[in-house]
Structure formats: structure tokens, C-alpha cells
Amino acid sequence: MNMKVKSVLALGVYQMDNGTHRVVARVGDRKTGPRPKEKRFPAGTALRVMKKWQEDQRSELRRESLRPVRGTLAADIPFYLERMQGQLQHPADRKHEIEAWLPTFGQRRRDTIKEHEIEQQIREWQRKSVAASTIRHRLSALSKLYKELDGRQAYNPVSTVKRPTEPRPGPNAVPIEHVVKVFDALEARVHRNGRGWKTLARLRVMAETGMRHSQVMRLQPTDLWLDSEPPLVAVNAPGKSGKPHWKPLSVRGVEAFRLFIEKDAFGEFSQSSIYKSWMLACSDADVPFFNPYRLRHTWATTLRAGGLDLADVQELVGHTSARTTERYAMVAQHKIMGAVGVLDRAYSRARSNVDKKRAEKEAHGGDESEPLRLPNKKAGR
């Protein structure tokens, strides 16, 4: 027989309609906290007795929440990703970030990983020139795994680790001549070896559209409008801090997508494979190696240098914040130097106007100079 609550005596203490009491002990939140405990007390039980039981059970639940999951990190990651399915906006990015810890801690139980070991791994990544923002994403991913599997109050070695500071953003583009040389070398390598066409097509799309590798992976044939006027590509999966948007395509962009379609380059691909091919092409072209991701920076910076306003570049890149766009499309130096010319032209126009008015006044017999007018003090009161 179902009994209904008659009244609430205290938080988690209920009197039922038959006079008995139901007491619930809970800690944490409903999502990550341990399963609550519940007990029935007979009618007439003192409130202090029920609250004493409730507090004892809460203490026990808190002790349970401090016991971390005893699996290895390698075993816990699939369970964590499955548990977070449907909650993550970009699950592939989270998977990539969390799996970066596997080479060092994959076979370790998470409760044995210490703060100083995580700091040592950070220093190792920094020696390999891993970007501060990438390290911060990896730290956040690992910390969220601990919180999701063990609870917010449980042991978490990441919580006290100092995160690397992201450097002040600066120009990260490369000379477009270098890009041309590397693509020439890459295409020659592909023709020579008879393989690598998909990699070439994907890199050309990245260079001609400024798309991230993750956006290229998510492209669908229905996103391409190559025969429209102008030709367009829809970026429906914009990635981090982005928004869906359309990109108009240049003639070179259309050619890149024709090759992309011809070689059926849709779907996921290995970033390490692209990285390796690009590194070899840089070597063949005798160009200092640069990460393929910088093709995106170069694309945006080239548009900015060509005269597009920051707002225009922001729309084309798909950023929701102009501050983000500034990191990809810094102000072109030649435009800053050109500001001096703008000032010179402004003063020249002003001087011309003044001289013209003075000449007109002299032509009409007016006095060149006007009497000095003092400010009206009464008007200012």
C-alpha cells in the first residue's frame, strides 16, 4: 500500500499519513553523489533520534564518496566517455584530450596518480612545444573525469595543479609563399609515390577555407554548394567557441573540393598521418616546418591584410567573439604604417579647405583675421 507524505518535519525527514516516519540521508548532487540511504521509523520516534541517524548516514556516504574508482585510467576512459554520451558538445575533442594521458598513466589506478606526476607531464609537454591552451584542455578533461566518476568531493590530483598561462596572442601566420612551396612539394610527392591523394585534398581544403581538421572530418556532401553563385560550403559543426556559418569559395577553393570529392576524402582521418606528410613536404620544399593548423591562421590573416574588417573575418572564420578572431587575424603591419598616410591626407584636406575659405574671404574684401571672442561666462553658469 502506497503511503503519502503528511508533513515535512525537517530536511529529509517526513511524516507519513499513517503516522510513521521516512528519513532520507543524501550527500552531493543527484547526478554524481552516492545512492541515498533511507529508513522507516515508527510513529512517536523523537526527531533528534531520526536526525542523529540521518547525520551518521551522511557521514558514511561522505566517506564512500572519497573512495575513488579502483580501475586503471585506460579502463575508466571508455566508461567515462560512454557515461558522458549525449552531454558533450564535441565528444571527439574530449576523447582526444583525455587519451593524451594514456601513454603516461594508462595502466595506473587513478587513486595512485599524484599531483607532482601531473606537473612533470606538463613540463614534458612544454619541452615538446605543446601549446598552453592544449595542455589546459587536457587538464580540464582529466579533472572532469575524476569529478564525474568519483564525485566532486573525491580525490582529484588535478584540482591543485597550476595551469600553464597562455601567452599573449601574436601573429601565427606564415608567409603565403611558404604555403605555396610546401603544397608544390606535397603534390610532387603524391604524384611520385602514387598515394596520399586524400591527405593532399584535405590539406588543400584546410588552406583554402581556414577550416579546422575537426570541421573537415565532419563535412558531408550536402554541405557543398559548388555550382551555386557564389560557390559555398556550410560549416555546420563549427568546433570550439564557434557558430554554424557559410564560407564563400574562391576558384582555388572549388578546385580543392573537386579533388576532395573525387578522392572521397570525407570522414575521419589520422591527424598524425597528415602531420607526417606535411613535415616531409616542408623538408622537400626547404621551408622551416610549421604545423598544418597554421594554415587557418594564414588564411584569416591574409583576408585581414587584404582589407577585410575584423568583423568580416570573424564571420568567415565562424567565431562568436572578436577577441578570438584577433588571435588568428592580427592587424597587418603595413596597414598600421599606412595610418600615417591617412593622417597626412586628413591634414592636407583640412589645410586645403582652410586656404580655400581664406582665399574666398579675401576675394570679397573681408578681413583675414577675426577678433578674438572670449567665452560667455554667464552661459556657463
Foldseek 3Di string as FASTA:
>chain_A
DDWAFDDAPDVQWTQTPVQKIKGKAWDADPQAFDDIDIDIGGHPDDPVVRVVVNVVRNVVSLVQLQDFDFAFLLVLLVVLLVVCVPVDLDSVLLSVLQCVCCVPGRRPGPVPDALVNLVVVVVVVVVVVDALVSSVSSLVSQQVSRCNRRNPPYDGRSPPHDGDDGDDFDQLADPVVLVVLLLVLLVVVCVVVVDDLLLSLLLLLCLQQLADLVQQQQADPVQWQVPDVQTKGWRCSLPPQFHTAIAGGDPSNSVSVVSNVVVVNYHDDDLVVSQVSSVVSCVVSVHPDDGSNSSSLNNLQVVQVVPDDLVVSCRSSGHPDSVVSCSSHPHDPVVVVCVVVVVVVVVVVVVVVLVVVLVVCVVVVHDSDDDDDDDDPVVVD
